[in-house]
Amino acid sequence: MNFIQFKDALKDFTVFSLNDIRLIDLHFHRRRLIEWQEKEYIRKVAKGRYIFSDLKIDENVLFEIANRIYSPSYVSLESALSYYQLIPEAVYGITSVSTRRTYSFQTTLGEFTYKTIRPALFFGYEIMTFNSKVFKIASMEKAILDFFYLHPYINSESDFTSLRFNAEVFMQIYNRKRMQGYLRKFAKKALSERISIFLKFMTKNEEAESHARY
């Protein structure tokens, strides 16, 4: 199988592995992957995971890659908060949560970081579709809970202020029933107390911003 045939056979794959390749060519030799990397036809993004060098990279593609190179996982934490426009700064790398151990990949596409959560907390993500592909990302409420759960030292109004959350956007998206349902599953009193403080802070800030506009 030459490279043109190879690329056509895997044209629907954003990320592919040797196992994926051997489903279409049982006798494929991994040496070809090394050759094609040297010719810059393909790029290695993680151990045993590759992309085509001409793949157009955007946020959606990076999120799908994040899901696929370390599974099970879904995009959350700073990356999800930025995706929902709740924090102003562009986030360096892609942050996710996983039931596997905390891990980080430094790749030619940037850094992919995964934080561990208990299997019982692996819920609350949405499946987003783009160009006939999909990626998993935390709902806004779950991204916030994941973030505070994994950053227990963030617990005061001054901490919330330093993060520069967009209160207006938050109040437009926020689903109280969903947040409360998710909180019950965490079953952490300290987390519930911090979220209560955070919600009061966001409500107060949104009201202040509304008054300032009018």
N, C-alpha and C. Protein backbone atom coordinates (compact mmCIF):
# COMPACT_ATOMS: atom_id res chain seq x y z
N MET A 1 0.85 -1.19 0.00
CA MET A 1 0.00 0.00 0.00
C MET A 1 0.89 1.25 0.00
N ASN A 2 0.73 2.08 -1.03
CA ASN A 2 1.51 3.32 -1.06
C ASN A 2 0.82 4.39 -0.22
N PHE A 3 1.49 5.55 -0.11
CA PHE A 3 0.95 6.57 0.79
C PHE A 3 -0.39 7.11 0.31
N ILE A 4 -0.58 7.29 -0.97
CA ILE A 4 -1.86 7.81 -1.48
C ILE A 4 -2.99 6.86 -1.11
N GLN A 5 -2.76 5.56 -1.28
CA GLN A 5 -3.77 4.57 -0.91
C GLN A 5 -4.00 4.59 0.60
N PHE A 6 -2.93 4.70 1.34
CA PHE A 6 -2.99 4.76 2.80
C PHE A 6 -3.83 5.94 3.27
N LYS A 7 -3.54 7.10 2.71
CA LYS A 7 -4.25 8.32 3.13
C LYS A 7 -5.73 8.25 2.76
N ASP A 8 -6.04 7.70 1.61
CA ASP A 8 -7.43 7.56 1.20
C ASP A 8 -8.18 6.61 2.13
N ALA A 9 -7.52 5.54 2.54
CA ALA A 9 -8.16 4.55 3.41
C ALA A 9 -8.44 5.13 4.80
N LEU A 10 -7.61 6.09 5.23
CA LEU A 10 -7.76 6.67 6.57
C LEU A 10 -8.26 8.11 6.54
N LYS A 11 -8.87 8.51 5.44
CA LYS A 11 -9.27 9.91 5.26
C LYS A 11 -10.28 10.38 6.30
N ASP A 12 -11.02 9.47 6.90
CA ASP A 12 -12.02 9.86 7.90
C ASP A 12 -11.47 9.88 9.32
N PHE A 13 -10.19 9.56 9.47
CA PHE A 13 -9.56 9.54 10.79
C PHE A 13 -8.85 10.86 11.06
N THR A 14 -9.16 11.50 12.18
CA THR A 14 -8.37 12.65 12.61
C THR A 14 -7.05 12.17 13.20
N VAL A 15 -7.13 11.18 14.05
CA VAL A 15 -5.97 10.55 14.67
C VAL A 15 -6.03 9.06 14.36
N PHE A 16 -4.89 8.47 14.08
CA PHE A 16 -4.89 7.03 13.81
C PHE A 16 -3.71 6.36 14.49
N SER A 17 -3.86 5.06 14.71
CA SER A 17 -2.83 4.27 15.37
C SER A 17 -2.46 3.09 14.48
N LEU A 18 -1.44 2.36 14.89
CA LEU A 18 -1.04 1.18 14.14
C LEU A 18 -2.17 0.15 14.10
N ASN A 19 -2.91 0.04 15.19
CA ASN A 19 -4.05 -0.89 15.21
C ASN A 19 -5.10 -0.50 14.18
N ASP A 20 -5.37 0.81 14.05
CA ASP A 20 -6.32 1.29 13.04
C ASP A 20 -5.83 0.90 11.64
N ILE A 21 -4.53 1.09 11.42
CA ILE A 21 -3.96 0.80 10.09
C ILE A 21 -4.08 -0.68 9.78
N ARG A 22 -3.81 -1.52 10.75
CA ARG A 22 -3.82 -2.97 10.50
C ARG A 22 -5.23 -3.53 10.31
N LEU A 23 -6.24 -2.74 10.61
CA LEU A 23 -7.60 -3.16 10.28
C LEU A 23 -7.85 -3.08 8.77
N ILE A 24 -7.06 -2.25 8.09
CA ILE A 24 -7.22 -2.14 6.63
C ILE A 24 -6.07 -2.82 5.88
N ASP A 25 -4.95 -3.05 6.59
CA ASP A 25 -3.82 -3.74 5.98
C ASP A 25 -3.12 -4.55 7.07
N LEU A 26 -3.47 -5.80 7.17
CA LEU A 26 -2.99 -6.66 8.26
C LEU A 26 -1.47 -6.76 8.29
N HIS A 27 -0.82 -6.64 7.13
CA HIS A 27 0.62 -6.85 7.05
C HIS A 27 1.41 -5.53 7.01
N PHE A 28 0.76 -4.43 7.33
CA PHE A 28 1.44 -3.13 7.33
C PHE A 28 2.59 -3.15 8.34
N HIS A 29 3.75 -2.63 7.92
CA HIS A 29 4.92 -2.62 8.80
C HIS A 29 5.12 -1.22 9.36
N ARG A 30 5.36 -1.15 10.66
CA ARG A 30 5.51 0.14 11.33
C ARG A 30 6.67 0.96 10.78
N ARG A 31 7.62 0.31 10.08
CA ARG A 31 8.73 1.04 9.48
C ARG A 31 8.24 2.13 8.53
N ARG A 32 7.11 1.86 7.85
CA ARG A 32 6.56 2.85 6.92
C ARG A 32 6.18 4.14 7.64
N LEU A 33 5.72 4.01 8.87
CA LEU A 33 5.35 5.20 9.65
C LEU A 33 6.57 6.07 9.90
N ILE A 34 7.71 5.44 10.19
CA ILE A 34 8.94 6.20 10.40
C ILE A 34 9.35 6.91 9.11
N GLU A 35 9.26 6.20 7.99
CA GLU A 35 9.61 6.78 6.70
C GLU A 35 8.72 7.98 6.38
N TRP A 36 7.44 7.83 6.62
CA TRP A 36 6.50 8.90 6.28
C TRP A 36 6.62 10.09 7.22
N GLN A 37 7.04 9.84 8.45
CA GLN A 37 7.34 10.97 9.34
C GLN A 37 8.55 11.74 8.83
N GLU A 38 9.58 11.01 8.40
CA GLU A 38 10.78 11.66 7.88
C GLU A 38 10.48 12.49 6.63
N LYS A 39 9.54 12.05 5.84
CA LYS A 39 9.14 12.78 4.64
C LYS A 39 8.09 13.85 4.94
N GLU A 40 7.69 13.93 6.24
CA GLU A 40 6.72 14.91 6.73
C GLU A 40 5.34 14.72 6.10
N TYR A 41 5.01 13.46 5.80
CA TYR A 41 3.66 13.13 5.35
C TYR A 41 2.71 13.02 6.55
N ILE A 42 3.25 12.52 7.65
CA ILE A 42 2.46 12.35 8.86
C ILE A 42 3.23 12.92 10.04
N ARG A 43 2.53 13.16 11.16
CA ARG A 43 3.15 13.68 12.38
C ARG A 43 2.72 12.82 13.55
N LYS A 44 3.66 12.55 14.43
CA LYS A 44 3.34 11.82 15.65
C LYS A 44 2.86 12.81 16.70
N VAL A 45 1.71 12.55 17.33
CA VAL A 45 1.20 13.46 18.36
C VAL A 45 1.27 12.87 19.76
N ALA A 46 1.40 11.56 19.85
CA ALA A 46 1.55 10.88 21.14
C ALA A 46 2.03 9.47 20.83
N LYS A 47 2.41 8.74 21.84
CA LYS A 47 2.92 7.39 21.61
C LYS A 47 1.91 6.55 20.83
N GLY A 48 2.31 6.14 19.63
CA GLY A 48 1.45 5.28 18.82
C GLY A 48 0.28 5.99 18.16
N ARG A 49 0.25 7.34 18.20
CA ARG A 49 -0.86 8.10 17.62
C ARG A 49 -0.31 9.11 16.61
N TYR A 50 -0.95 9.19 15.45
CA TYR A 50 -0.46 10.01 14.35
C TYR A 50 -1.59 10.81 13.71
N ILE A 51 -1.19 11.88 13.03
CA ILE A 51 -2.12 12.65 12.20
C ILE A 51 -1.44 12.91 10.85
N PHE A 52 -2.22 13.26 9.86
CA PHE A 52 -1.63 13.67 8.59
C PHE A 52 -1.10 15.10 8.72
N SER A 53 0.02 15.35 8.10
CA SER A 53 0.69 16.64 8.27
C SER A 53 -0.12 17.81 7.73
N ASP A 54 -1.00 17.54 6.76
CA ASP A 54 -1.79 18.63 6.19
C ASP A 54 -3.14 18.81 6.88
N LEU A 55 -3.32 18.13 8.01
CA LEU A 55 -4.57 18.30 8.77
C LEU A 55 -4.71 19.75 9.22
N LYS A 56 -5.86 20.35 8.97
CA LYS A 56 -6.11 21.73 9.41
C LYS A 56 -6.48 21.70 10.89
N ILE A 57 -5.67 22.41 11.67
CA ILE A 57 -5.83 22.37 13.12
C ILE A 57 -6.65 23.56 13.60
N ASP A 58 -7.71 23.30 14.34
CA ASP A 58 -8.45 24.34 15.04
C ASP A 58 -8.86 23.79 16.40
N GLU A 59 -9.60 24.55 17.15
CA GLU A 59 -9.96 24.15 18.50
C GLU A 59 -10.74 22.83 18.51
N ASN A 60 -11.69 22.67 17.59
CA ASN A 60 -12.48 21.45 17.54
C ASN A 60 -11.60 20.22 17.31
N VAL A 61 -10.66 20.35 16.38
CA VAL A 61 -9.76 19.25 16.06
C VAL A 61 -8.89 18.91 17.27
N LEU A 62 -8.37 19.93 17.95
CA LEU A 62 -7.55 19.70 19.14
C LEU A 62 -8.35 18.99 20.23
N PHE A 63 -9.62 19.36 20.38
CA PHE A 63 -10.45 18.70 21.39
C PHE A 63 -10.67 17.23 21.04
N GLU A 64 -10.92 16.95 19.75
CA GLU A 64 -11.10 15.55 19.36
C GLU A 64 -9.82 14.76 19.60
N ILE A 65 -8.68 15.35 19.25
CA ILE A 65 -7.40 14.68 19.48
C ILE A 65 -7.20 14.41 20.97
N ALA A 66 -7.53 15.41 21.80
CA ALA A 66 -7.40 15.24 23.25
C ALA A 66 -8.21 14.05 23.74
N ASN A 67 -9.43 13.90 23.24
CA ASN A 67 -10.28 12.76 23.62
C ASN A 67 -9.63 11.44 23.23
N ARG A 68 -9.01 11.41 22.07
CA ARG A 68 -8.58 10.15 21.48
C ARG A 68 -7.21 9.65 21.94
N ILE A 69 -6.32 10.57 22.31
CA ILE A 69 -4.98 10.10 22.67
C ILE A 69 -4.89 9.64 24.12
N TYR A 70 -5.94 9.91 24.92
CA TYR A 70 -5.95 9.45 26.31
C TYR A 70 -7.41 9.21 26.68
N SER A 71 -7.81 7.97 26.67
CA SER A 71 -9.22 7.64 26.84
C SER A 71 -9.39 6.67 28.02
N PRO A 72 -10.51 6.80 28.77
CA PRO A 72 -11.60 7.75 28.59
C PRO A 72 -11.25 9.13 29.15
N SER A 73 -11.68 10.14 28.45
CA SER A 73 -11.46 11.51 28.91
C SER A 73 -12.47 12.43 28.22
N TYR A 74 -12.64 13.60 28.78
CA TYR A 74 -13.39 14.66 28.11
C TYR A 74 -12.74 16.00 28.44
N VAL A 75 -12.85 16.95 27.55
CA VAL A 75 -12.28 18.28 27.74
C VAL A 75 -13.01 18.97 28.89
N SER A 76 -12.28 19.60 29.78
CA SER A 76 -12.90 20.27 30.93
C SER A 76 -11.94 21.34 31.44
N LEU A 77 -12.16 21.77 32.70
CA LEU A 77 -11.28 22.71 33.37
C LEU A 77 -11.07 23.98 32.54
N GLU A 78 -9.86 24.51 32.46
CA GLU A 78 -9.64 25.80 31.81
C GLU A 78 -10.05 25.80 30.34
N SER A 79 -9.82 24.69 29.65
CA SER A 79 -10.17 24.64 28.22
C SER A 79 -11.67 24.77 28.02
N ALA A 80 -12.45 24.09 28.84
CA ALA A 80 -13.91 24.19 28.72
C ALA A 80 -14.40 25.56 29.15
N LEU A 81 -13.81 26.12 30.21
CA LEU A 81 -14.22 27.45 30.66
C LEU A 81 -13.94 28.50 29.58
N SER A 82 -12.82 28.34 28.89
CA SER A 82 -12.50 29.24 27.78
C SER A 82 -13.46 29.02 26.61
N TYR A 83 -13.79 27.76 26.33
CA TYR A 83 -14.71 27.41 25.24
C TYR A 83 -16.07 28.10 25.44
N TYR A 84 -16.53 28.13 26.69
CA TYR A 84 -17.81 28.78 27.00
C TYR A 84 -17.67 30.28 27.23
N GLN A 85 -16.47 30.81 27.01
CA GLN A 85 -16.17 32.23 27.14
C GLN A 85 -16.39 32.75 28.57
N LEU A 86 -16.12 31.88 29.52
CA LEU A 86 -16.25 32.28 30.93
C LEU A 86 -14.98 32.89 31.48
N ILE A 87 -13.85 32.57 30.86
CA ILE A 87 -12.59 33.20 31.25
C ILE A 87 -12.00 33.87 30.02
N PRO A 88 -11.33 35.00 30.17
CA PRO A 88 -10.95 35.81 29.02
C PRO A 88 -9.70 35.35 28.28
N GLU A 89 -8.75 34.76 28.98
CA GLU A 89 -7.48 34.45 28.36
C GLU A 89 -7.56 33.19 27.52
N ALA A 90 -6.78 33.20 26.43
CA ALA A 90 -6.59 31.97 25.67
C ALA A 90 -5.82 31.00 26.55
N VAL A 91 -6.22 29.75 26.55
CA VAL A 91 -5.62 28.75 27.42
C VAL A 91 -4.49 28.04 26.69
N TYR A 92 -3.34 27.95 27.33
CA TYR A 92 -2.22 27.23 26.73
C TYR A 92 -2.46 25.74 26.88
N GLY A 93 -2.49 25.02 25.76
CA GLY A 93 -2.70 23.58 25.81
C GLY A 93 -4.16 23.23 26.01
N ILE A 94 -4.43 21.94 26.05
CA ILE A 94 -5.79 21.43 26.21
C ILE A 94 -5.88 20.70 27.54
N THR A 95 -6.85 21.08 28.36
CA THR A 95 -7.02 20.46 29.67
C THR A 95 -8.25 19.57 29.66
N SER A 96 -8.10 18.38 30.22
CA SER A 96 -9.17 17.39 30.25
C SER A 96 -9.19 16.70 31.60
N VAL A 97 -10.24 15.92 31.83
CA VAL A 97 -10.27 15.04 33.00
C VAL A 97 -10.42 13.61 32.51
N SER A 98 -9.93 12.69 33.33
CA SER A 98 -9.94 11.27 32.96
C SER A 98 -10.02 10.43 34.22
N THR A 99 -10.49 9.20 34.06
CA THR A 99 -10.49 8.27 35.19
C THR A 99 -9.13 7.59 35.33
N ARG A 100 -8.25 7.83 34.37
CA ARG A 100 -6.90 7.29 34.45
C ARG A 100 -6.00 8.25 35.24
N ARG A 101 -4.74 7.87 35.40
CA ARG A 101 -3.85 8.69 36.22
C ARG A 101 -3.59 10.05 35.56
N THR A 102 -3.27 11.04 36.39
CA THR A 102 -2.92 12.36 35.89
C THR A 102 -1.72 12.22 34.96
N TYR A 103 -1.82 12.88 33.81
CA TYR A 103 -0.78 12.71 32.80
C TYR A 103 -0.72 13.94 31.91
N SER A 104 0.42 14.14 31.25
CA SER A 104 0.58 15.27 30.35
C SER A 104 1.40 14.85 29.14
N PHE A 105 0.92 15.22 27.95
CA PHE A 105 1.66 14.97 26.71
C PHE A 105 2.17 16.30 26.16
N GLN A 106 3.45 16.39 25.91
CA GLN A 106 3.99 17.56 25.22
C GLN A 106 4.17 17.16 23.76
N THR A 107 3.42 17.76 22.86
CA THR A 107 3.41 17.35 21.46
C THR A 107 3.72 18.55 20.55
N THR A 108 3.84 18.26 19.27
CA THR A 108 4.06 19.33 18.29
C THR A 108 2.84 20.22 18.15
N LEU A 109 1.70 19.78 18.67
CA LEU A 109 0.47 20.56 18.62
C LEU A 109 0.25 21.36 19.89
N GLY A 110 1.10 21.15 20.89
CA GLY A 110 0.91 21.81 22.17
C GLY A 110 0.84 20.77 23.27
N GLU A 111 0.47 21.20 24.45
CA GLU A 111 0.42 20.30 25.61
C GLU A 111 -1.01 19.83 25.85
N PHE A 112 -1.13 18.54 26.11
CA PHE A 112 -2.42 17.94 26.46
C PHE A 112 -2.29 17.44 27.89
N THR A 113 -3.10 17.98 28.79
CA THR A 113 -3.03 17.65 30.21
C THR A 113 -4.32 16.99 30.67
N TYR A 114 -4.18 15.95 31.49
CA TYR A 114 -5.32 15.18 31.99
C TYR A 114 -5.23 15.08 33.51
N LYS A 115 -6.31 15.45 34.18
CA LYS A 115 -6.37 15.36 35.63
C LYS A 115 -7.33 14.23 36.02
N THR A 116 -6.96 13.52 37.06
CA THR A 116 -7.73 12.35 37.47
C THR A 116 -8.98 12.73 38.26
N ILE A 117 -10.09 12.10 37.90
CA ILE A 117 -11.30 12.15 38.73
C ILE A 117 -11.78 10.71 38.97
N ARG A 118 -12.54 10.53 40.02
CA ARG A 118 -13.06 9.20 40.31
C ARG A 118 -14.04 8.77 39.21
N PRO A 119 -14.11 7.46 38.92
CA PRO A 119 -15.06 6.98 37.90
C PRO A 119 -16.49 7.45 38.14
N ALA A 120 -16.88 7.58 39.41
CA ALA A 120 -18.25 8.02 39.73
C ALA A 120 -18.50 9.46 39.29
N LEU A 121 -17.43 10.22 39.06
CA LEU A 121 -17.57 11.63 38.66
C LEU A 121 -17.38 11.83 37.16
N PHE A 122 -17.25 10.73 36.43
CA PHE A 122 -17.07 10.83 34.98
C PHE A 122 -18.45 10.92 34.31
N PHE A 123 -19.01 12.12 34.35
CA PHE A 123 -20.33 12.38 33.79
C PHE A 123 -20.42 13.87 33.48
N GLY A 124 -21.55 14.29 32.94
CA GLY A 124 -21.78 15.72 32.76
C GLY A 124 -21.10 16.32 31.55
N TYR A 125 -20.78 15.50 30.56
CA TYR A 125 -20.16 16.04 29.35
C TYR A 125 -21.14 16.02 28.18
N GLU A 126 -20.90 16.90 27.24
CA GLU A 126 -21.71 16.98 26.02
C GLU A 126 -20.91 16.38 24.86
N ILE A 127 -21.61 15.85 23.88
CA ILE A 127 -20.96 15.36 22.67
C ILE A 127 -21.24 16.36 21.57
N MET A 128 -20.19 17.07 21.15
CA MET A 128 -20.29 18.12 20.14
C MET A 128 -19.90 17.57 18.77
N THR A 129 -20.62 18.01 17.76
CA THR A 129 -20.37 17.55 16.40
C THR A 129 -19.78 18.67 15.56
N PHE A 130 -18.79 18.31 14.74
CA PHE A 130 -18.22 19.27 13.79
C PHE A 130 -17.70 18.48 12.59
N ASN A 131 -18.05 18.91 11.41
CA ASN A 131 -17.55 18.28 10.17
C ASN A 131 -17.64 16.75 10.21
N SER A 132 -18.77 16.25 10.69
CA SER A 132 -19.02 14.80 10.81
C SER A 132 -18.12 14.11 11.83
N LYS A 133 -17.43 14.89 12.67
CA LYS A 133 -16.60 14.35 13.75
C LYS A 133 -17.23 14.78 15.07
N VAL A 134 -16.76 14.21 16.16
CA VAL A 134 -17.31 14.56 17.47
C VAL A 134 -16.19 14.70 18.50
N PHE A 135 -16.48 15.45 19.56
CA PHE A 135 -15.61 15.46 20.72
C PHE A 135 -16.48 15.62 21.97
N LYS A 136 -15.94 15.17 23.10
CA LYS A 136 -16.64 15.26 24.38
C LYS A 136 -16.07 16.43 25.18
N ILE A 137 -16.97 17.26 25.70
CA ILE A 137 -16.56 18.39 26.52
C ILE A 137 -17.54 18.55 27.67
N ALA A 138 -17.05 18.92 28.82
CA ALA A 138 -17.91 19.13 29.99
C ALA A 138 -18.95 20.20 29.70
N SER A 139 -20.14 20.00 30.21
CA SER A 139 -21.11 21.10 30.20
C SER A 139 -20.52 22.22 31.03
N MET A 140 -21.06 23.42 30.87
CA MET A 140 -20.51 24.56 31.60
C MET A 140 -20.53 24.29 33.11
N GLU A 141 -21.64 23.76 33.61
CA GLU A 141 -21.76 23.50 35.05
C GLU A 141 -20.74 22.46 35.52
N LYS A 142 -20.57 21.41 34.73
CA LYS A 142 -19.63 20.35 35.13
C LYS A 142 -18.19 20.84 35.04
N ALA A 143 -17.87 21.69 34.06
CA ALA A 143 -16.52 22.24 33.96
C ALA A 143 -16.18 23.04 35.21
N ILE A 144 -17.15 23.82 35.70
CA ILE A 144 -16.93 24.60 36.91
C ILE A 144 -16.73 23.69 38.11
N LEU A 145 -17.57 22.66 38.23
CA LEU A 145 -17.44 21.74 39.36
C LEU A 145 -16.13 20.97 39.29
N ASP A 146 -15.74 20.50 38.11
CA ASP A 146 -14.45 19.83 37.97
C ASP A 146 -13.32 20.75 38.40
N PHE A 147 -13.41 22.01 37.96
CA PHE A 147 -12.36 22.98 38.26
C PHE A 147 -12.23 23.22 39.76
N PHE A 148 -13.35 23.46 40.43
CA PHE A 148 -13.29 23.72 41.86
C PHE A 148 -12.94 22.46 42.66
N TYR A 149 -13.40 21.34 42.20
CA TYR A 149 -13.09 20.06 42.87
C TYR A 149 -11.58 19.80 42.85
N LEU A 150 -10.95 20.11 41.72
CA LEU A 150 -9.52 19.84 41.57
C LEU A 150 -8.63 21.00 42.03
N HIS A 151 -9.28 22.13 42.40
CA HIS A 151 -8.53 23.29 42.92
C HIS A 151 -9.17 23.74 44.24
N PRO A 152 -9.06 22.93 45.28
CA PRO A 152 -9.75 23.23 46.55
C PRO A 152 -9.29 24.50 47.23
N TYR A 153 -8.12 25.01 46.85
CA TYR A 153 -7.60 26.24 47.46
C TYR A 153 -8.29 27.49 46.91
N ILE A 154 -9.07 27.36 45.85
CA ILE A 154 -9.83 28.50 45.32
C ILE A 154 -11.15 28.55 46.06
N ASN A 155 -11.27 29.47 47.01
CA ASN A 155 -12.43 29.40 47.91
C ASN A 155 -12.93 30.75 48.41
N SER A 156 -12.48 31.85 47.79
CA SER A 156 -12.90 33.16 48.29
C SER A 156 -13.23 34.09 47.14
N GLU A 157 -13.89 35.19 47.45
CA GLU A 157 -14.25 36.17 46.42
C GLU A 157 -13.01 36.75 45.75
N SER A 158 -11.94 36.93 46.50
CA SER A 158 -10.72 37.46 45.89
C SER A 158 -10.14 36.46 44.89
N ASP A 159 -10.27 35.17 45.21
CA ASP A 159 -9.83 34.14 44.26
C ASP A 159 -10.67 34.18 42.99
N PHE A 160 -11.99 34.32 43.16
CA PHE A 160 -12.89 34.36 42.00
C PHE A 160 -12.59 35.60 41.14
N THR A 161 -12.32 36.71 41.82
CA THR A 161 -12.02 37.94 41.09
C THR A 161 -10.76 37.79 40.24
N SER A 162 -9.76 37.12 40.80
CA SER A 162 -8.49 36.96 40.08
C SER A 162 -8.66 36.10 38.83
N LEU A 163 -9.65 35.22 38.84
CA LEU A 163 -9.88 34.35 37.67
C LEU A 163 -10.63 35.08 36.56
N ARG A 164 -11.23 36.22 36.88
CA ARG A 164 -11.90 37.08 35.89
C ARG A 164 -13.02 36.35 35.14
N PHE A 165 -13.86 35.65 35.89
CA PHE A 165 -15.02 35.00 35.29
C PHE A 165 -15.95 36.05 34.70
N ASN A 166 -16.53 35.74 33.56
CA ASN A 166 -17.51 36.62 32.92
C ASN A 166 -18.89 36.33 33.51
N ALA A 167 -19.33 37.18 34.42
CA ALA A 167 -20.59 36.94 35.13
C ALA A 167 -21.80 36.99 34.19
N GLU A 168 -21.76 37.90 33.21
CA GLU A 168 -22.88 38.03 32.29
C GLU A 168 -23.07 36.75 31.47
N VAL A 169 -21.99 36.24 30.92
CA VAL A 169 -22.08 35.01 30.13
C VAL A 169 -22.52 33.85 31.03
N PHE A 170 -21.95 33.79 32.23
CA PHE A 170 -22.31 32.72 33.15
C PHE A 170 -23.81 32.69 33.42
N MET A 171 -24.39 33.84 33.74
CA MET A 171 -25.80 33.88 34.10
C MET A 171 -26.71 33.55 32.91
N GLN A 172 -26.23 33.80 31.71
CA GLN A 172 -27.00 33.46 30.52
C GLN A 172 -27.05 31.96 30.29
N ILE A 173 -25.97 31.27 30.64
CA ILE A 173 -25.87 29.83 30.37
C ILE A 173 -26.29 28.98 31.56
N TYR A 174 -26.06 29.47 32.75
CA TYR A 174 -26.20 28.70 33.98
C TYR A 174 -27.56 28.02 34.12
N ASN A 175 -27.51 26.71 34.42
CA ASN A 175 -28.71 25.91 34.66
C ASN A 175 -28.67 25.45 36.12
N ARG A 176 -29.48 26.09 36.95
CA ARG A 176 -29.44 25.83 38.39
C ARG A 176 -29.76 24.37 38.72
N LYS A 177 -30.78 23.82 38.07
CA LYS A 177 -31.18 22.45 38.35
C LYS A 177 -30.05 21.47 38.02
N ARG A 178 -29.39 21.70 36.90
CA ARG A 178 -28.28 20.82 36.51
C ARG A 178 -27.13 20.92 37.50
N MET A 179 -26.79 22.14 37.90
CA MET A 179 -25.70 22.34 38.84
C MET A 179 -25.97 21.61 40.16
N GLN A 180 -27.18 21.75 40.67
CA GLN A 180 -27.52 21.12 41.94
C GLN A 180 -27.51 19.60 41.83
N GLY A 181 -27.99 19.09 40.70
CA GLY A 181 -27.97 17.65 40.50
C GLY A 181 -26.56 17.11 40.45
N TYR A 182 -25.67 17.81 39.76
CA TYR A 182 -24.27 17.39 39.69
C TYR A 182 -23.62 17.46 41.07
N LEU A 183 -23.90 18.53 41.80
CA LEU A 183 -23.31 18.69 43.13
C LEU A 183 -23.66 17.53 44.05
N ARG A 184 -24.90 17.06 43.97
CA ARG A 184 -25.31 15.92 44.82
C ARG A 184 -24.47 14.69 44.51
N LYS A 185 -24.09 14.51 43.26
CA LYS A 185 -23.28 13.35 42.89
C LYS A 185 -21.86 13.45 43.43
N PHE A 186 -21.35 14.67 43.56
CA PHE A 186 -20.02 14.85 44.14
C PHE A 186 -20.04 14.51 45.63
N ALA A 187 -21.16 14.82 46.30
CA ALA A 187 -21.34 14.51 47.72
C ALA A 187 -20.19 15.04 48.57
N LYS A 188 -19.80 16.29 48.30
CA LYS A 188 -18.73 16.93 49.06
C LYS A 188 -19.26 18.22 49.66
N LYS A 189 -19.40 18.25 50.97
CA LYS A 189 -19.96 19.42 51.63
C LYS A 189 -19.11 20.66 51.38
N ALA A 190 -17.80 20.52 51.47
CA ALA A 190 -16.91 21.67 51.28
C ALA A 190 -17.05 22.23 49.87
N LEU A 191 -17.19 21.36 48.88
CA LEU A 191 -17.37 21.81 47.50
C LEU A 191 -18.69 22.55 47.36
N SER A 192 -19.75 22.01 47.94
CA SER A 192 -21.05 22.67 47.87
C SER A 192 -21.01 24.06 48.48
N GLU A 193 -20.30 24.21 49.59
CA GLU A 193 -20.18 25.51 50.24
C GLU A 193 -19.42 26.50 49.36
N ARG A 194 -18.36 26.05 48.74
CA ARG A 194 -17.59 26.94 47.85
C ARG A 194 -18.40 27.33 46.62
N ILE A 195 -19.17 26.39 46.09
CA ILE A 195 -20.00 26.70 44.92
C ILE A 195 -21.09 27.70 45.30
N SER A 196 -21.63 27.58 46.49
CA SER A 196 -22.64 28.53 46.96
C SER A 196 -22.05 29.94 47.02
N ILE A 197 -20.85 30.07 47.55
CA ILE A 197 -20.17 31.37 47.60
C ILE A 197 -19.93 31.89 46.19
N PHE A 198 -19.49 31.00 45.31
CA PHE A 198 -19.20 31.37 43.93
C PHE A 198 -20.47 31.86 43.22
N LEU A 199 -21.58 31.17 43.40
CA LEU A 199 -22.83 31.57 42.74
C LEU A 199 -23.32 32.93 43.23
N LYS A 200 -23.18 33.19 44.52
CA LYS A 200 -23.56 34.50 45.05
C LYS A 200 -22.65 35.59 44.47
N PHE A 201 -21.38 35.28 44.36
CA PHE A 201 -20.42 36.22 43.78
C PHE A 201 -20.78 36.53 42.34
N MET A 202 -21.10 35.52 41.55
CA MET A 202 -21.43 35.71 40.14
C MET A 202 -22.74 36.49 39.98
N THR A 203 -23.72 36.20 40.81
CA THR A 203 -24.99 36.93 40.76
C THR A 203 -24.78 38.40 41.08
N LYS A 204 -24.00 38.68 42.11
CA LYS A 204 -23.72 40.06 42.51
C LYS A 204 -22.98 40.80 41.40
N ASN A 205 -22.02 40.14 40.78
CA ASN A 205 -21.24 40.79 39.72
C ASN A 205 -22.08 41.03 38.47
N GLU A 206 -22.95 40.09 38.15
CA GLU A 206 -23.80 40.26 36.98
C GLU A 206 -24.75 41.42 37.18
N GLU A 207 -25.30 41.56 38.39
CA GLU A 207 -26.19 42.69 38.70
C GLU A 207 -25.42 44.01 38.61
N ALA A 208 -24.20 44.03 39.10
CA ALA A 208 -23.38 45.25 39.05
C ALA A 208 -23.06 45.62 37.61
N GLU A 209 -22.77 44.60 36.78
CA GLU A 209 -22.48 44.87 35.37
C GLU A 209 -23.72 45.39 34.65
N SER A 210 -24.89 44.84 34.99
CA SER A 210 -26.14 45.29 34.36
C SER A 210 -26.42 46.75 34.70
N HIS A 211 -26.23 47.12 35.96
CA HIS A 211 -26.45 48.50 36.39
C HIS A 211 -25.48 49.44 35.68
N ALA A 212 -24.24 48.98 35.51
CA ALA A 212 -23.23 49.81 34.85
C ALA A 212 -23.59 50.07 33.38
N ARG A 213 -24.22 49.08 32.75
CA ARG A 213 -24.59 49.24 31.34
C ARG A 213 -25.73 50.22 31.18
N TYR A 214 -26.59 50.32 32.19
CA TYR A 214 -27.77 51.17 32.06
C TYR A 214 -27.69 52.39 32.99
